[in-house]
Amino acid sequence: MTTERKRPLEAAPPSANSPAPASAGPSSLPPSSLAPGSRGPGSLAPPPLPPLVARINDTAVGFVEHLGQFGRMTWGAIKAIFERPLELRSTIYQMESLGVRSAAIASVTALFVGMVMAVQFAIGLQKFGGMEYTGRIIGLSFSRELAPTLTAVIVGGRIGAGIAAEVGSMAVTEQIDAIRALGANPVKKLVLPRLLASIVVMPVLGAFALVLGFSGAMLICATEFGIPAGFFLRTALSSVTFMDYFSGMYKTPFFGAIIALVGCHFGLITRGGTEGVGHATTRTVVVTSIAILIADFFLTKMSILFFPSR
């Protein structure tokens, strides 16, 4: 018996009318092409960024988003000034809450800063025999810089934190959504009264801090260094002009606007319950202090340009 070997069947050539074979699915790809982050020959996905670069990129994007939200809220508050009805009762209440209740911390800060300045300048000038210039230096320093800026930084932390906590609590409890549902504008109801109140009360607090700081310095010079109070006051007033006073006080409305807008911004975007309110309050204090110091530099350059001292 002869054994016939079976020949393997050959695939028939595809006819013209037969459908084209299906392309290979993902299971036919090599395992290396399925690895996470791999780039195939035709892939257009960018390579992953290093962790440090990715973090910097996320921070920059978040900063730009905050600027956009802040600018939109500020423009909405400016437009709301010309809308009726005016929020007079709410604005007066915020003036009492932000201004009167901040007078104590502004007074204590200005008084002791004036005392410290008197000690430092008097001791330093005593070495060179220039004690009579103590009143002049303290008067110019307080009127042009320390009274408005230091008051804004100290009081701004208190005011900004209060605004962020109050508005943030309303945001996490959906009260702001309820205001929108009723057809009202949250910016007009919440942001505008606090903005106007801060702009009004900050010049008053700055002038109050100037008087108290100068009084504290005069008291220390009279009791510790034997400089008569009348001589101290006379030499200081002979050096400080109205332009020196105005070049410092004109900054305070800008500082008040920064405090209110930053506090309202972080309050409106608060998420995450009570923990989110805490984060918003902390960020408000930090951003407010930094923004005031940055704005103070540019406002000081403008004051030197437009209100030069004698």
C-alpha atoms as a PDB file:
ATOM      1  CA  MET A   1       0.000   0.000   0.000  1.00  0.00           C
ATOM      2  CA  THR A   2       1.377   3.304  -0.968  1.00  0.00           C
ATOM      3  CA  THR A   3       0.895   6.234   1.355  1.00  0.00           C
ATOM      4  CA  GLU A   4      -0.031   9.491  -0.316  1.00  0.00           C
ATOM      5  CA  ARG A   5       1.174  12.608   1.370  1.00  0.00           C
ATOM      6  CA  LYS A   6      -1.455  15.308   1.592  1.00  0.00           C
ATOM      7  CA  ARG A   7      -0.400  18.580   0.136  1.00  0.00           C
ATOM      8  CA  PRO A   8      -1.234  21.686   2.163  1.00  0.00           C
ATOM      9  CA  LEU A   9      -4.122  23.681   0.885  1.00  0.00           C
ATOM     10  CA  GLU A  10      -3.093  26.920  -0.708  1.00  0.00           C
ATOM     11  CA  ALA A  11      -5.186  30.018  -0.182  1.00  0.00           C
ATOM     12  CA  ALA A  12      -7.111  30.971  -3.200  1.00  0.00           C
ATOM     13  CA  PRO A  13      -6.121  34.310  -4.684  1.00  0.00           C
ATOM     14  CA  PRO A  14      -8.575  37.061  -3.860  1.00  0.00           C
ATOM     15  CA  SER A  15     -11.013  37.824  -6.548  1.00  0.00           C
ATOM     16  CA  ALA A  16     -11.872  41.264  -7.717  1.00  0.00           C
ATOM     17  CA  ASN A  17     -15.332  41.095  -6.098  1.00  0.00           C
ATOM     18  CA  SER A  18     -14.188  39.736  -2.723  1.00  0.00           C
ATOM     19  CA  PRO A  19     -14.004  42.249   0.203  1.00  0.00           C
ATOM     20  CA  ALA A  20     -10.626  43.484   1.384  1.00  0.00           C
ATOM     21  CA  PRO A  21      -9.266  41.797   4.496  1.00  0.00           C
ATOM     22  CA  ALA A  22      -9.949  43.608   7.748  1.00  0.00           C
ATOM     23  CA  SER A  23      -7.084  45.545   9.262  1.00  0.00           C
ATOM     24  CA  ALA A  24      -5.382  44.085  12.231  1.00  0.00           C
ATOM     25  CA  GLY A  25      -6.962  45.029  15.539  1.00  0.00           C
ATOM     26  CA  PRO A  26      -5.223  46.166  18.665  1.00  0.00           C
ATOM     27  CA  SER A  27      -4.578  42.554  19.655  1.00  0.00           C
ATOM     28  CA  SER A  28      -2.278  42.126  16.675  1.00  0.00           C
ATOM     29  CA  LEU A  29      -0.031  45.038  17.730  1.00  0.00           C
ATOM     30  CA  PRO A  30       3.179  44.266  19.566  1.00  0.00           C
ATOM     31  CA  PRO A  31       3.005  44.610  23.333  1.00  0.00           C
ATOM     32  CA  SER A  32       5.501  47.469  23.311  1.00  0.00           C
ATOM     33  CA  SER A  33       3.092  49.651  21.327  1.00  0.00           C
ATOM     34  CA  LEU A  34       0.409  49.278  24.010  1.00  0.00           C
ATOM     35  CA  ALA A  35       2.592  50.534  26.856  1.00  0.00           C
ATOM     36  CA  PRO A  36       1.439  53.753  28.540  1.00  0.00           C
ATOM     37  CA  GLY A  37       3.141  56.864  27.212  1.00  0.00           C
ATOM     38  CA  SER A  38       4.493  55.099  24.108  1.00  0.00           C
ATOM     39  CA  ARG A  39       4.387  56.909  20.806  1.00  0.00           C
ATOM     40  CA  GLY A  40       3.556  55.015  17.672  1.00  0.00           C
ATOM     41  CA  PRO A  41       4.822  55.966  14.252  1.00  0.00           C
ATOM     42  CA  GLY A  42       1.693  58.013  13.500  1.00  0.00           C
ATOM     43  CA  SER A  43       0.979  59.302  17.020  1.00  0.00           C
ATOM     44  CA  LEU A  44       0.659  63.080  17.488  1.00  0.00           C
ATOM     45  CA  ALA A  45       0.499  63.091  21.315  1.00  0.00           C
ATOM     46  CA  PRO A  46       3.273  65.167  22.931  1.00  0.00           C
ATOM     47  CA  PRO A  47       5.662  63.471  25.303  1.00  0.00           C
ATOM     48  CA  PRO A  48       4.860  63.780  29.022  1.00  0.00           C
ATOM     49  CA  LEU A  49       6.416  66.752  30.780  1.00  0.00           C
ATOM     50  CA  PRO A  50       8.886  66.278  33.632  1.00  0.00           C
ATOM     51  CA  PRO A  51       7.234  66.631  37.073  1.00  0.00           C
ATOM     52  CA  LEU A  52       8.830  70.007  37.850  1.00  0.00           C
ATOM     53  CA  VAL A  53       7.968  71.472  34.453  1.00  0.00           C
ATOM     54  CA  ALA A  54       4.415  70.121  34.701  1.00  0.00           C
ATOM     55  CA  ARG A  55       3.983  71.731  38.103  1.00  0.00           C
ATOM     56  CA  ILE A  56       5.269  75.082  36.853  1.00  0.00           C
ATOM     57  CA  ASN A  57       2.956  74.837  33.852  1.00  0.00           C
ATOM     58  CA  ASP A  58      -0.061  74.095  36.059  1.00  0.00           C
ATOM     59  CA  THR A  59       0.827  77.024  38.326  1.00  0.00           C
ATOM     60  CA  ALA A  60       1.119  79.405  35.371  1.00  0.00           C
ATOM     61  CA  VAL A  61      -2.190  78.243  33.895  1.00  0.00           C
ATOM     62  CA  GLY A  62      -3.905  78.608  37.272  1.00  0.00           C
ATOM     63  CA  PHE A  63      -2.480  82.118  37.692  1.00  0.00           C
ATOM     64  CA  VAL A  64      -3.802  83.184  34.291  1.00  0.00           C
ATOM     65  CA  GLU A  65      -7.219  81.726  35.123  1.00  0.00           C
ATOM     66  CA  HIS A  66      -7.286  83.658  38.394  1.00  0.00           C
ATOM     67  CA  LEU A  67      -6.396  86.866  36.550  1.00  0.00           C
ATOM     68  CA  GLY A  68      -9.224  86.295  34.089  1.00  0.00           C
ATOM     69  CA  GLN A  69     -11.773  85.649  36.834  1.00  0.00           C
ATOM     70  CA  PHE A  70     -10.491  88.612  38.835  1.00  0.00           C
ATOM     71  CA  GLY A  71     -10.710  90.939  35.844  1.00  0.00           C
ATOM     72  CA  ARG A  72     -14.215  89.784  34.948  1.00  0.00           C
ATOM     73  CA  MET A  73     -15.398  90.321  38.539  1.00  0.00           C
ATOM     74  CA  THR A  74     -13.774  93.775  38.692  1.00  0.00           C
ATOM     75  CA  TRP A  75     -15.407  94.847  35.443  1.00  0.00           C
ATOM     76  CA  GLY A  76     -18.760  93.561  36.695  1.00  0.00           C
ATOM     77  CA  ALA A  77     -18.379  95.593  39.909  1.00  0.00           C
ATOM     78  CA  ILE A  78     -17.561  98.750  37.925  1.00  0.00           C
ATOM     79  CA  LYS A  79     -20.638  98.289  35.747  1.00  0.00           C
ATOM     80  CA  ALA A  80     -22.794  97.592  38.799  1.00  0.00           C
ATOM     81  CA  ILE A  81     -22.033 101.088  40.162  1.00  0.00           C
ATOM     82  CA  PHE A  82     -24.288 102.593  37.496  1.00  0.00           C
ATOM     83  CA  GLU A  83     -27.121 100.114  37.991  1.00  0.00           C
ATOM     84  CA  ARG A  84     -30.147 100.811  40.154  1.00  0.00           C
ATOM     85  CA  PRO A  85     -31.065 100.390  42.926  1.00  0.00           C
ATOM     86  CA  LEU A  86     -28.031 101.479  44.942  1.00  0.00           C
ATOM     87  CA  GLU A  87     -26.965  99.214  47.804  1.00  0.00           C
ATOM     88  CA  LEU A  88     -26.677 102.068  50.312  1.00  0.00           C
ATOM     89  CA  ARG A  89     -27.784 100.178  53.410  1.00  0.00           C
ATOM     90  CA  SER A  90     -25.439  97.281  52.705  1.00  0.00           C
ATOM     91  CA  THR A  91     -22.572  99.687  51.951  1.00  0.00           C
ATOM     92  CA  ILE A  92     -23.043 101.559  55.248  1.00  0.00           C
ATOM     93  CA  TYR A  93     -23.137  98.268  57.137  1.00  0.00           C
ATOM     94  CA  GLN A  94     -19.884  97.182  55.484  1.00  0.00           C
ATOM     95  CA  MET A  95     -18.275 100.516  56.328  1.00  0.00           C
ATOM     96  CA  GLU A  96     -19.086  99.909  59.981  1.00  0.00           C
ATOM     97  CA  SER A  97     -17.937  96.296  59.800  1.00  0.00           C
ATOM     98  CA  LEU A  98     -14.712  96.948  57.888  1.00  0.00           C
ATOM     99  CA  GLY A  99     -13.768 100.381  59.202  1.00  0.00           C
ATOM    100  CA  VAL A 100     -14.984 100.914  62.752  1.00  0.00           C
ATOM    101  CA  ARG A 101     -14.102  97.394  63.875  1.00  0.00           C
ATOM    102  CA  SER A 102     -10.597  97.762  62.384  1.00  0.00           C
ATOM    103  CA  ALA A 103      -9.803 101.005  64.200  1.00  0.00           C
ATOM    104  CA  ALA A 104      -8.393  99.216  67.256  1.00  0.00           C
ATOM    105  CA  ILE A 105      -5.801  97.150  65.393  1.00  0.00           C
ATOM    106  CA  ALA A 106      -4.840 100.160  63.241  1.00  0.00           C
ATOM    107  CA  SER A 107      -4.399 102.329  66.358  1.00  0.00           C
ATOM    108  CA  VAL A 108      -2.233  99.858  68.257  1.00  0.00           C
ATOM    109  CA  THR A 109      -0.074  99.139  65.213  1.00  0.00           C
ATOM    110  CA  ALA A 110       0.513 102.809  64.367  1.00  0.00           C
ATOM    111  CA  LEU A 111       1.194 103.808  67.970  1.00  0.00           C
ATOM    112  CA  PHE A 112       3.890 101.234  68.617  1.00  0.00           C
ATOM    113  CA  VAL A 113       5.470 101.575  65.179  1.00  0.00           C
ATOM    114  CA  GLY A 114       5.835 105.298  65.892  1.00  0.00           C
ATOM    115  CA  MET A 115       7.490 104.519  69.208  1.00  0.00           C
ATOM    116  CA  VAL A 116       9.907 102.072  67.617  1.00  0.00           C
ATOM    117  CA  MET A 117      10.804 104.547  64.874  1.00  0.00           C
ATOM    118  CA  ALA A 118      11.466 107.254  67.448  1.00  0.00           C
ATOM    119  CA  VAL A 119      13.850 105.015  69.380  1.00  0.00           C
ATOM    120  CA  GLN A 120      15.707 103.852  66.280  1.00  0.00           C
ATOM    121  CA  PHE A 121      16.085 107.279  64.645  1.00  0.00           C
ATOM    122  CA  ALA A 122      16.909 109.094  67.861  1.00  0.00           C
ATOM    123  CA  ILE A 123      19.656 106.638  68.793  1.00  0.00           C
ATOM    124  CA  GLY A 124      21.077 106.717  65.281  1.00  0.00           C
ATOM    125  CA  LEU A 125      21.041 110.513  64.981  1.00  0.00           C
ATOM    126  CA  GLN A 126      22.420 110.957  68.484  1.00  0.00           C
ATOM    127  CA  LYS A 127      25.730 109.468  67.341  1.00  0.00           C
ATOM    128  CA  PHE A 128      26.122 112.247  64.763  1.00  0.00           C
ATOM    129  CA  GLY A 129      24.692 115.100  66.814  1.00  0.00           C
ATOM    130  CA  GLY A 130      21.546 115.379  64.700  1.00  0.00           C
ATOM    131  CA  MET A 131      18.826 114.843  67.290  1.00  0.00           C
ATOM    132  CA  GLU A 132      16.910 117.886  66.072  1.00  0.00           C
ATOM    133  CA  TYR A 133      16.178 116.119  62.788  1.00  0.00           C
ATOM    134  CA  THR A 134      14.254 113.275  64.435  1.00  0.00           C
ATOM    135  CA  GLY A 135      10.861 114.954  64.044  1.00  0.00           C
ATOM    136  CA  ARG A 136      11.529 115.826  60.406  1.00  0.00           C
ATOM    137  CA  ILE A 137      12.495 112.278  59.445  1.00  0.00           C
ATOM    138  CA  ILE A 138       9.631 110.621  61.315  1.00  0.00           C
ATOM    139  CA  GLY A 139       7.112 113.098  59.943  1.00  0.00           C
ATOM    140  CA  LEU A 140       8.170 112.532  56.339  1.00  0.00           C
ATOM    141  CA  SER A 141       8.426 108.757  56.736  1.00  0.00           C
ATOM    142  CA  PHE A 142       5.000 108.407  58.291  1.00  0.00           C
ATOM    143  CA  SER A 143       3.178 110.796  55.996  1.00  0.00           C
ATOM    144  CA  ARG A 144       4.631 109.506  52.721  1.00  0.00           C
ATOM    145  CA  GLU A 145       4.948 105.775  53.355  1.00  0.00           C
ATOM    146  CA  LEU A 146       4.436 104.111  56.720  1.00  0.00           C
ATOM    147  CA  ALA A 147       0.981 105.365  57.667  1.00  0.00           C
ATOM    148  CA  PRO A 148      -0.811 104.313  54.447  1.00  0.00           C
ATOM    149  CA  THR A 149       1.155 101.173  53.587  1.00  0.00           C
ATOM    150  CA  LEU A 150       1.581  99.654  57.034  1.00  0.00           C
ATOM    151  CA  THR A 151      -2.062 100.307  57.856  1.00  0.00           C
ATOM    152  CA  ALA A 152      -3.154  98.688  54.607  1.00  0.00           C
ATOM    153  CA  VAL A 153      -1.041  95.566  55.209  1.00  0.00           C
ATOM    154  CA  ILE A 154      -2.154  95.103  58.814  1.00  0.00           C
ATOM    155  CA  VAL A 155      -5.793  96.071  58.391  1.00  0.00           C
ATOM    156  CA  GLY A 156      -5.958  94.436  54.959  1.00  0.00           C
ATOM    157  CA  GLY A 157      -5.226  91.035  56.458  1.00  0.00           C
ATOM    158  CA  ARG A 158      -8.106  91.429  58.871  1.00  0.00           C
ATOM    159  CA  ILE A 159     -10.568  92.873  56.330  1.00  0.00           C
ATOM    160  CA  GLY A 160      -9.621  90.527  53.493  1.00  0.00           C
ATOM    161  CA  ALA A 161      -9.835  87.430  55.673  1.00  0.00           C
ATOM    162  CA  GLY A 162     -13.260  88.488  56.949  1.00  0.00           C
ATOM    163  CA  ILE A 163     -14.574  89.107  53.439  1.00  0.00           C
ATOM    164  CA  ALA A 164     -13.221  85.808  52.110  1.00  0.00           C
ATOM    165  CA  ALA A 165     -14.664  83.834  55.036  1.00  0.00           C
ATOM    166  CA  GLU A 166     -18.082  85.471  54.762  1.00  0.00           C
ATOM    167  CA  VAL A 167     -18.439  85.212  50.987  1.00  0.00           C
ATOM    168  CA  GLY A 168     -16.815  81.762  50.931  1.00  0.00           C
ATOM    169  CA  SER A 169     -19.323  80.462  53.489  1.00  0.00           C
ATOM    170  CA  MET A 170     -22.125  81.721  51.269  1.00  0.00           C
ATOM    171  CA  ALA A 171     -20.539  80.002  48.266  1.00  0.00           C
ATOM    172  CA  VAL A 172     -20.188  76.559  49.875  1.00  0.00           C
ATOM    173  CA  THR A 173     -23.740  76.701  51.270  1.00  0.00           C
ATOM    174  CA  GLU A 174     -25.094  77.597  47.782  1.00  0.00           C
ATOM    175  CA  GLN A 175     -26.472  80.958  48.868  1.00  0.00           C
ATOM    176  CA  ILE A 176     -24.766  82.635  45.902  1.00  0.00           C
ATOM    177  CA  ASP A 177     -26.498  80.173  43.561  1.00  0.00           C
ATOM    178  CA  ALA A 178     -29.770  81.092  45.241  1.00  0.00           C
ATOM    179  CA  ILE A 179     -29.086  84.781  44.536  1.00  0.00           C
ATOM    180  CA  ARG A 180     -28.565  83.970  40.867  1.00  0.00           C
ATOM    181  CA  ALA A 181     -31.706  81.824  40.824  1.00  0.00           C
ATOM    182  CA  LEU A 182     -33.729  84.779  42.125  1.00  0.00           C
ATOM    183  CA  GLY A 183     -32.497  86.891  39.215  1.00  0.00           C
ATOM    184  CA  ALA A 184     -30.133  89.115  41.215  1.00  0.00           C
ATOM    185  CA  ASN A 185     -26.495  89.867  40.462  1.00  0.00           C
ATOM    186  CA  PRO A 186     -24.119  88.446  43.114  1.00  0.00           C
ATOM    187  CA  VAL A 187     -21.438  90.953  42.138  1.00  0.00           C
ATOM    188  CA  LYS A 188     -23.775  93.867  42.800  1.00  0.00           C
ATOM    189  CA  LYS A 189     -25.157  92.367  46.021  1.00  0.00           C
ATOM    190  CA  LEU A 190     -21.900  91.120  47.545  1.00  0.00           C
ATOM    191  CA  VAL A 191     -18.865  92.644  45.841  1.00  0.00           C
ATOM    192  CA  LEU A 192     -19.914  96.253  45.212  1.00  0.00           C
ATOM    193  CA  PRO A 193     -20.851  97.196  48.834  1.00  0.00           C
ATOM    194  CA  ARG A 194     -17.581  95.784  50.166  1.00  0.00           C
ATOM    195  CA  LEU A 195     -15.582  97.494  47.430  1.00  0.00           C
ATOM    196  CA  LEU A 196     -17.113 100.927  48.069  1.00  0.00           C
ATOM    197  CA  ALA A 197     -16.810 100.522  51.842  1.00  0.00           C
ATOM    198  CA  SER A 198     -13.110  99.594  51.633  1.00  0.00           C
ATOM    199  CA  ILE A 199     -12.337 102.514  49.337  1.00  0.00           C
ATOM    200  CA  VAL A 200     -14.025 104.939  51.764  1.00  0.00           C
ATOM    201  CA  VAL A 201     -12.668 103.639  55.092  1.00  0.00           C
ATOM    202  CA  MET A 202      -9.008 103.121  54.154  1.00  0.00           C
ATOM    203  CA  PRO A 203      -8.167 106.865  53.824  1.00  0.00           C
ATOM    204  CA  VAL A 204      -9.791 107.466  57.212  1.00  0.00           C
ATOM    205  CA  LEU A 205      -7.812 104.658  58.840  1.00  0.00           C
ATOM    206  CA  GLY A 206      -4.621 105.890  57.182  1.00  0.00           C
ATOM    207  CA  ALA A 207      -5.078 109.439  58.519  1.00  0.00           C
ATOM    208  CA  PHE A 208      -5.934 108.056  61.956  1.00  0.00           C
ATOM    209  CA  ALA A 209      -2.775 105.927  61.929  1.00  0.00           C
ATOM    210  CA  LEU A 210      -0.673 108.934  60.894  1.00  0.00           C
ATOM    211  CA  VAL A 211      -1.834 110.989  63.880  1.00  0.00           C
ATOM    212  CA  LEU A 212      -1.389 108.167  66.385  1.00  0.00           C
ATOM    213  CA  GLY A 213       2.003 107.096  65.050  1.00  0.00           C
ATOM    214  CA  PHE A 214       3.304 110.641  65.136  1.00  0.00           C
ATOM    215  CA  SER A 215       1.941 111.081  68.672  1.00  0.00           C
ATOM    216  CA  GLY A 216       3.676 107.913  69.854  1.00  0.00           C
ATOM    217  CA  ALA A 217       6.982 109.058  68.390  1.00  0.00           C
ATOM    218  CA  MET A 218       6.603 112.492  69.988  1.00  0.00           C
ATOM    219  CA  LEU A 219       5.858 110.920  73.376  1.00  0.00           C
ATOM    220  CA  ILE A 220       8.956 108.697  73.300  1.00  0.00           C
ATOM    221  CA  CYS A 221      11.224 111.532  72.168  1.00  0.00           C
ATOM    222  CA  ALA A 222       9.949 113.737  74.988  1.00  0.00           C
ATOM    223  CA  THR A 223      10.239 111.145  77.762  1.00  0.00           C
ATOM    224  CA  GLU A 224      13.323 109.168  76.715  1.00  0.00           C
ATOM    225  CA  PHE A 225      15.539 111.601  74.806  1.00  0.00           C
ATOM    226  CA  GLY A 226      14.640 114.988  76.225  1.00  0.00           C
ATOM    227  CA  ILE A 227      13.291 116.452  72.973  1.00  0.00           C
ATOM    228  CA  PRO A 228      10.444 118.868  73.857  1.00  0.00           C
ATOM    229  CA  ALA A 229       7.116 117.944  72.318  1.00  0.00           C
ATOM    230  CA  GLY A 230       6.632 121.490  70.983  1.00  0.00           C
ATOM    231  CA  PHE A 231      10.011 121.470  69.241  1.00  0.00           C
ATOM    232  CA  PHE A 232       9.345 117.986  67.830  1.00  0.00           C
ATOM    233  CA  LEU A 233       5.966 119.038  66.459  1.00  0.00           C
ATOM    234  CA  ARG A 234       7.248 122.352  65.099  1.00  0.00           C
ATOM    235  CA  THR A 235      10.189 120.847  63.219  1.00  0.00           C
ATOM    236  CA  ALA A 236       8.051 118.038  61.821  1.00  0.00           C
ATOM    237  CA  LEU A 237       5.333 120.387  60.557  1.00  0.00           C
ATOM    238  CA  SER A 238       7.932 122.669  58.998  1.00  0.00           C
ATOM    239  CA  SER A 239       9.204 119.748  56.881  1.00  0.00           C
ATOM    240  CA  VAL A 240       5.972 117.976  55.987  1.00  0.00           C
ATOM    241  CA  THR A 241       3.934 119.707  53.300  1.00  0.00           C
ATOM    242  CA  PHE A 242       0.473 118.992  52.016  1.00  0.00           C
ATOM    243  CA  MET A 243       1.993 117.281  49.002  1.00  0.00           C
ATOM    244  CA  ASP A 244       3.865 114.893  51.296  1.00  0.00           C
ATOM    245  CA  TYR A 245       0.619 114.081  53.064  1.00  0.00           C
ATOM    246  CA  PHE A 246      -1.343 113.714  49.847  1.00  0.00           C
ATOM    247  CA  SER A 247       1.332 111.550  48.174  1.00  0.00           C
ATOM    248  CA  GLY A 248       0.828 108.992  50.932  1.00  0.00           C
ATOM    249  CA  MET A 249      -2.925 109.228  51.419  1.00  0.00           C
ATOM    250  CA  TYR A 250      -3.763 108.965  47.728  1.00  0.00           C
ATOM    251  CA  LYS A 251      -2.572 105.349  47.831  1.00  0.00           C
ATOM    252  CA  THR A 252      -5.161 104.269  50.392  1.00  0.00           C
ATOM    253  CA  PRO A 253      -8.190 104.040  48.032  1.00  0.00           C
ATOM    254  CA  PHE A 254      -6.183 101.767  45.743  1.00  0.00           C
ATOM    255  CA  PHE A 255      -5.194  99.615  48.714  1.00  0.00           C
ATOM    256  CA  GLY A 256      -8.824  99.439  49.806  1.00  0.00           C
ATOM    257  CA  ALA A 257      -9.908  98.309  46.350  1.00  0.00           C
ATOM    258  CA  ILE A 258      -7.220  95.613  46.288  1.00  0.00           C
ATOM    259  CA  ILE A 259      -8.267  94.300  49.707  1.00  0.00           C
ATOM    260  CA  ALA A 260     -11.961  94.080  48.844  1.00  0.00           C
ATOM    261  CA  LEU A 261     -11.538  92.633  45.353  1.00  0.00           C
ATOM    262  CA  VAL A 262      -9.037  89.961  46.405  1.00  0.00           C
ATOM    263  CA  GLY A 263     -11.207  88.905  49.352  1.00  0.00           C
ATOM    264  CA  CYS A 264     -14.356  88.735  47.225  1.00  0.00           C
ATOM    265  CA  HIS A 265     -12.558  86.846  44.449  1.00  0.00           C
ATOM    266  CA  PHE A 266     -11.295  84.054  46.670  1.00  0.00           C
ATOM    267  CA  GLY A 267     -14.619  83.963  48.466  1.00  0.00           C
ATOM    268  CA  LEU A 268     -16.638  83.536  45.272  1.00  0.00           C
ATOM    269  CA  ILE A 269     -14.477  80.663  43.972  1.00  0.00           C
ATOM    270  CA  THR A 270     -14.456  78.799  47.298  1.00  0.00           C
ATOM    271  CA  ARG A 271     -15.248  75.088  47.003  1.00  0.00           C
ATOM    272  CA  GLY A 272     -14.940  72.128  49.326  1.00  0.00           C
ATOM    273  CA  GLY A 273     -16.905  73.017  52.453  1.00  0.00           C
ATOM    274  CA  THR A 274     -15.298  74.378  55.592  1.00  0.00           C
ATOM    275  CA  GLU A 275     -11.838  73.245  54.506  1.00  0.00           C
ATOM    276  CA  GLY A 276     -12.195  75.283  51.338  1.00  0.00           C
ATOM    277  CA  VAL A 277     -13.196  78.336  53.377  1.00  0.00           C
ATOM    278  CA  GLY A 278     -10.011  77.978  55.423  1.00  0.00           C
ATOM    279  CA  HIS A 279      -7.859  77.734  52.291  1.00  0.00           C
ATOM    280  CA  ALA A 280      -9.586  80.770  50.754  1.00  0.00           C
ATOM    281  CA  THR A 281      -8.977  82.821  53.906  1.00  0.00           C
ATOM    282  CA  THR A 282      -5.288  81.928  54.022  1.00  0.00           C
ATOM    283  CA  ARG A 283      -4.748  82.660  50.343  1.00  0.00           C
ATOM    284  CA  THR A 284      -6.537  86.001  50.706  1.00  0.00           C
ATOM    285  CA  VAL A 285      -4.221  87.187  53.474  1.00  0.00           C
ATOM    286  CA  VAL A 286      -1.095  86.188  51.539  1.00  0.00           C
ATOM    287  CA  VAL A 287      -2.189  87.583  48.184  1.00  0.00           C
ATOM    288  CA  THR A 288      -3.490  90.807  49.737  1.00  0.00           C
ATOM    289  CA  SER A 289      -0.188  91.542  51.496  1.00  0.00           C
ATOM    290  CA  ILE A 290       1.879  90.820  48.386  1.00  0.00           C
ATOM    291  CA  ALA A 291      -0.443  92.800  46.100  1.00  0.00           C
ATOM    292  CA  ILE A 292      -0.373  95.828  48.423  1.00  0.00           C
ATOM    293  CA  LEU A 293       3.434  95.864  48.516  1.00  0.00           C
ATOM    294  CA  ILE A 294       3.683  95.511  44.734  1.00  0.00           C
ATOM    295  CA  ALA A 295       1.118  98.253  44.190  1.00  0.00           C
ATOM    296  CA  ASP A 296       2.907 100.438  46.733  1.00  0.00           C
ATOM    297  CA  PHE A 297       6.088 100.367  44.656  1.00  0.00           C
ATOM    298  CA  PHE A 298       4.358 101.636  41.513  1.00  0.00           C
ATOM    299  CA  LEU A 299       2.226 104.149  43.410  1.00  0.00           C
ATOM    300  CA  THR A 300       5.341 105.474  45.161  1.00  0.00           C
ATOM    301  CA  LYS A 301       7.077 105.969  41.819  1.00  0.00           C
ATOM    302  CA  MET A 302       4.020 107.858  40.595  1.00  0.00           C
ATOM    303  CA  SER A 303       3.893 109.990  43.752  1.00  0.00           C
ATOM    304  CA  ILE A 304       7.558 110.933  43.380  1.00  0.00           C
ATOM    305  CA  LEU A 305       6.929 111.839  39.757  1.00  0.00           C
ATOM    306  CA  PHE A 306       3.777 113.900  40.296  1.00  0.00           C
ATOM    307  CA  PHE A 307       4.200 115.056  43.942  1.00  0.00           C
ATOM    308  CA  PRO A 308       7.923 115.677  44.484  1.00  0.00           C
ATOM    309  CA  SER A 309       9.065 116.575  47.969  1.00  0.00           C
ATOM    310  CA  ARG A 310      10.877 119.821  48.668  1.00  0.00           C
END
